[in-house]
Amino acid sequence: MLMNKARSPSQYQDGDGMSYSEKETLKQLPEGSSWPKFSGSGEYDNMELIDYIDGLFIDVPSIPDYWITARLNTAFKGHASIWYTEMNEIHGRRNWPWWKSQIIQKYTNGTWIWQKTMSFENDKYSVDKDPY
């Protein structure tokens, strides 16, 4: 004898194959077009993109990693877009921690670190610089 098991609302699926809870989670994820853009040239800040995506995982902890990585292509422009496409073709689907480490490895070089350090040093408060 077969018994009908009661299903929770999170288990119901429409024709798109997504559960109710997945749809609710997806509603909390900003559209890829609103993400920070990163070109990898000129004065760039790859950490803005990394911090933004890390923040998504904090703000929406139930979000599956692949929902984030599937939208990464919308964040890259110019040289960074070419780099991303090549990396994606070579390595295939990877999780966010892997992409994060690759972005840092590729775009956080000595010049970038020096510029950030100098910016911080120049922005520090000094009694000698105080106009009052």
C-alpha atoms as a PDB file:
ATOM      1  CA  MET A   1       0.000   0.000   0.000  1.00  0.00           C
ATOM      2  CA  LEU A   2       1.356   3.411  -1.012  1.00  0.00           C
ATOM      3  CA  MET A   3       1.030   6.262   1.423  1.00  0.00           C
ATOM      4  CA  ASN A   4       0.798   9.861   0.358  1.00  0.00           C
ATOM      5  CA  LYS A   5       3.363  11.865   2.266  1.00  0.00           C
ATOM      6  CA  ALA A   6       2.506  15.471   3.012  1.00  0.00           C
ATOM      7  CA  ARG A   7       4.854  17.913   1.309  1.00  0.00           C
ATOM      8  CA  SER A   8       5.988  21.144   2.847  1.00  0.00           C
ATOM      9  CA  PRO A   9       5.392  24.341   0.818  1.00  0.00           C
ATOM     10  CA  SER A  10       9.131  24.510   0.113  1.00  0.00           C
ATOM     11  CA  GLN A  11       8.898  21.246  -1.803  1.00  0.00           C
ATOM     12  CA  TYR A  12       6.246  22.337  -4.288  1.00  0.00           C
ATOM     13  CA  GLN A  13       7.523  22.982  -7.765  1.00  0.00           C
ATOM     14  CA  ASP A  14       6.026  24.652 -10.790  1.00  0.00           C
ATOM     15  CA  GLY A  15       6.920  23.721 -14.332  1.00  0.00           C
ATOM     16  CA  ASP A  16      10.288  25.495 -13.968  1.00  0.00           C
ATOM     17  CA  GLY A  17      11.581  22.870 -11.522  1.00  0.00           C
ATOM     18  CA  MET A  18      12.212  25.370  -8.716  1.00  0.00           C
ATOM     19  CA  SER A  19      10.811  24.957  -5.240  1.00  0.00           C
ATOM     20  CA  TYR A  20       8.923  27.755  -3.518  1.00  0.00           C
ATOM     21  CA  SER A  21      11.850  28.390  -1.137  1.00  0.00           C
ATOM     22  CA  GLU A  22      14.290  28.556  -4.065  1.00  0.00           C
ATOM     23  CA  LYS A  23      12.093  31.140  -5.776  1.00  0.00           C
ATOM     24  CA  GLU A  24      11.919  33.209  -2.600  1.00  0.00           C
ATOM     25  CA  THR A  25      15.702  33.045  -2.240  1.00  0.00           C
ATOM     26  CA  LEU A  26      16.205  34.030  -5.872  1.00  0.00           C
ATOM     27  CA  LYS A  27      14.013  37.119  -5.341  1.00  0.00           C
ATOM     28  CA  GLN A  28      16.546  38.345  -2.758  1.00  0.00           C
ATOM     29  CA  LEU A  29      19.457  38.170  -5.201  1.00  0.00           C
ATOM     30  CA  PRO A  30      20.051  41.431  -7.091  1.00  0.00           C
ATOM     31  CA  GLU A  31      20.023  41.264 -10.881  1.00  0.00           C
ATOM     32  CA  GLY A  32      23.451  40.704 -12.375  1.00  0.00           C
ATOM     33  CA  SER A  33      23.156  43.989 -14.256  1.00  0.00           C
ATOM     34  CA  SER A  34      23.199  45.896 -10.949  1.00  0.00           C
ATOM     35  CA  TRP A  35      26.460  44.321  -9.749  1.00  0.00           C
ATOM     36  CA  PRO A  36      29.649  46.404  -9.706  1.00  0.00           C
ATOM     37  CA  LYS A  37      31.480  46.253 -13.023  1.00  0.00           C
ATOM     38  CA  PHE A  38      35.140  45.329 -13.250  1.00  0.00           C
ATOM     39  CA  SER A  39      37.275  45.912 -16.340  1.00  0.00           C
ATOM     40  CA  GLY A  40      40.744  45.012 -15.097  1.00  0.00           C
ATOM     41  CA  SER A  41      42.349  48.090 -16.668  1.00  0.00           C
ATOM     42  CA  GLY A  42      43.286  51.547 -15.503  1.00  0.00           C
ATOM     43  CA  GLU A  43      42.407  52.375 -11.938  1.00  0.00           C
ATOM     44  CA  TYR A  44      40.408  49.379 -10.961  1.00  0.00           C
ATOM     45  CA  ASP A  45      39.269  47.915  -7.708  1.00  0.00           C
ATOM     46  CA  ASN A  46      38.706  44.199  -7.878  1.00  0.00           C
ATOM     47  CA  MET A  47      37.996  44.195  -4.157  1.00  0.00           C
ATOM     48  CA  GLU A  48      34.753  46.114  -4.728  1.00  0.00           C
ATOM     49  CA  LEU A  49      33.408  43.193  -6.738  1.00  0.00           C
ATOM     50  CA  ILE A  50      34.765  40.618  -4.280  1.00  0.00           C
ATOM     51  CA  ASP A  51      33.317  42.463  -1.272  1.00  0.00           C
ATOM     52  CA  TYR A  52      29.978  42.820  -3.054  1.00  0.00           C
ATOM     53  CA  ILE A  53      29.718  39.101  -3.804  1.00  0.00           C
ATOM     54  CA  ASP A  54      30.924  38.116  -0.333  1.00  0.00           C
ATOM     55  CA  GLY A  55      28.212  40.433   0.999  1.00  0.00           C
ATOM     56  CA  LEU A  56      25.570  38.585  -1.024  1.00  0.00           C
ATOM     57  CA  PHE A  57      26.489  35.356   0.757  1.00  0.00           C
ATOM     58  CA  ILE A  58      26.136  37.159   4.099  1.00  0.00           C
ATOM     59  CA  ASP A  59      22.856  38.893   3.200  1.00  0.00           C
ATOM     60  CA  VAL A  60      21.308  35.788   1.618  1.00  0.00           C
ATOM     61  CA  PRO A  61      22.988  32.826   3.351  1.00  0.00           C
ATOM     62  CA  SER A  62      20.726  30.252   1.688  1.00  0.00           C
ATOM     63  CA  ILE A  63      21.801  31.261  -1.810  1.00  0.00           C
ATOM     64  CA  PRO A  64      23.412  28.437  -3.770  1.00  0.00           C
ATOM     65  CA  ASP A  65      26.949  29.167  -4.909  1.00  0.00           C
ATOM     66  CA  TYR A  66      26.152  28.364  -8.532  1.00  0.00           C
ATOM     67  CA  TRP A  67      23.534  31.150  -8.639  1.00  0.00           C
ATOM     68  CA  ILE A  68      26.343  33.606  -7.932  1.00  0.00           C
ATOM     69  CA  THR A  69      28.968  32.114 -10.218  1.00  0.00           C
ATOM     70  CA  ALA A  70      26.465  31.815 -13.073  1.00  0.00           C
ATOM     71  CA  ARG A  71      26.089  35.619 -13.006  1.00  0.00           C
ATOM     72  CA  LEU A  72      29.777  36.470 -12.783  1.00  0.00           C
ATOM     73  CA  ASN A  73      29.979  37.119 -16.512  1.00  0.00           C
ATOM     74  CA  THR A  74      27.748  40.185 -16.063  1.00  0.00           C
ATOM     75  CA  ALA A  75      30.310  41.826 -13.754  1.00  0.00           C
ATOM     76  CA  PHE A  76      33.325  41.622 -16.059  1.00  0.00           C
ATOM     77  CA  LYS A  77      33.975  44.130 -18.836  1.00  0.00           C
ATOM     78  CA  GLY A  78      36.814  44.694 -21.307  1.00  0.00           C
ATOM     79  CA  HIS A  79      40.066  42.881 -20.510  1.00  0.00           C
ATOM     80  CA  ALA A  80      38.584  41.245 -17.418  1.00  0.00           C
ATOM     81  CA  SER A  81      35.723  39.837 -19.507  1.00  0.00           C
ATOM     82  CA  ILE A  82      38.189  38.253 -21.930  1.00  0.00           C
ATOM     83  CA  TRP A  83      40.162  36.816 -19.008  1.00  0.00           C
ATOM     84  CA  TYR A  84      36.980  35.456 -17.389  1.00  0.00           C
ATOM     85  CA  THR A  85      35.802  33.836 -20.637  1.00  0.00           C
ATOM     86  CA  GLU A  86      39.176  32.139 -21.159  1.00  0.00           C
ATOM     87  CA  MET A  87      39.333  30.918 -17.550  1.00  0.00           C
ATOM     88  CA  ASN A  88      35.778  29.626 -17.774  1.00  0.00           C
ATOM     89  CA  GLU A  89      36.549  27.726 -20.991  1.00  0.00           C
ATOM     90  CA  ILE A  90      39.711  26.186 -19.516  1.00  0.00           C
ATOM     91  CA  HIS A  91      38.455  25.347 -16.022  1.00  0.00           C
ATOM     92  CA  GLY A  92      34.687  25.033 -16.461  1.00  0.00           C
ATOM     93  CA  ARG A  93      32.189  25.582 -13.681  1.00  0.00           C
ATOM     94  CA  ARG A  94      33.912  26.512 -10.430  1.00  0.00           C
ATOM     95  CA  ASN A  95      32.679  27.749  -7.072  1.00  0.00           C
ATOM     96  CA  TRP A  96      32.951  31.294  -5.723  1.00  0.00           C
ATOM     97  CA  PRO A  97      35.983  30.661  -3.453  1.00  0.00           C
ATOM     98  CA  TRP A  98      37.908  29.431  -6.508  1.00  0.00           C
ATOM     99  CA  TRP A  99      36.909  32.453  -8.625  1.00  0.00           C
ATOM    100  CA  LYS A 100      37.672  34.806  -5.756  1.00  0.00           C
ATOM    101  CA  SER A 101      41.202  33.431  -5.407  1.00  0.00           C
ATOM    102  CA  GLN A 102      41.747  33.658  -9.184  1.00  0.00           C
ATOM    103  CA  ILE A 103      40.596  37.302  -9.283  1.00  0.00           C
ATOM    104  CA  ILE A 104      42.882  38.185  -6.380  1.00  0.00           C
ATOM    105  CA  GLN A 105      45.798  36.304  -7.916  1.00  0.00           C
ATOM    106  CA  LYS A 106      45.324  37.956 -11.314  1.00  0.00           C
ATOM    107  CA  TYR A 107      44.449  41.524 -10.347  1.00  0.00           C
ATOM    108  CA  THR A 108      45.892  42.145  -6.883  1.00  0.00           C
ATOM    109  CA  ASN A 109      49.485  42.776  -7.856  1.00  0.00           C
ATOM    110  CA  GLY A 110      52.276  44.784  -6.253  1.00  0.00           C
ATOM    111  CA  THR A 111      51.267  48.020  -7.978  1.00  0.00           C
ATOM    112  CA  TRP A 112      47.691  47.714  -6.765  1.00  0.00           C
ATOM    113  CA  ILE A 113      48.832  47.019  -3.192  1.00  0.00           C
ATOM    114  CA  TRP A 114      51.238  49.980  -3.325  1.00  0.00           C
ATOM    115  CA  GLN A 115      48.495  52.321  -4.597  1.00  0.00           C
ATOM    116  CA  LYS A 116      46.126  51.238  -1.829  1.00  0.00           C
ATOM    117  CA  THR A 117      48.848  51.621   0.805  1.00  0.00           C
ATOM    118  CA  MET A 118      49.767  55.108  -0.436  1.00  0.00           C
ATOM    119  CA  SER A 119      46.105  56.111  -0.519  1.00  0.00           C
ATOM    120  CA  PHE A 120      45.729  54.950   3.074  1.00  0.00           C
ATOM    121  CA  GLU A 121      48.935  56.699   4.170  1.00  0.00           C
ATOM    122  CA  ASN A 122      47.868  59.982   2.554  1.00  0.00           C
ATOM    123  CA  ASP A 123      44.437  59.764   4.132  1.00  0.00           C
ATOM    124  CA  LYS A 124      45.663  59.309   7.715  1.00  0.00           C
ATOM    125  CA  TYR A 125      45.113  62.126  10.180  1.00  0.00           C
ATOM    126  CA  SER A 126      48.209  64.011  11.254  1.00  0.00           C
ATOM    127  CA  VAL A 127      48.477  66.785  13.818  1.00  0.00           C
ATOM    128  CA  ASP A 128      51.026  68.470  11.535  1.00  0.00           C
ATOM    129  CA  LYS A 129      48.471  68.581   8.710  1.00  0.00           C
ATOM    130  CA  ASP A 130      45.600  69.820  10.902  1.00  0.00           C
ATOM    131  CA  PRO A 131      44.595  73.299   9.672  1.00  0.00           C
ATOM    132  CA  TYR A 132      43.045  74.221  13.053  1.00  0.00           C
END
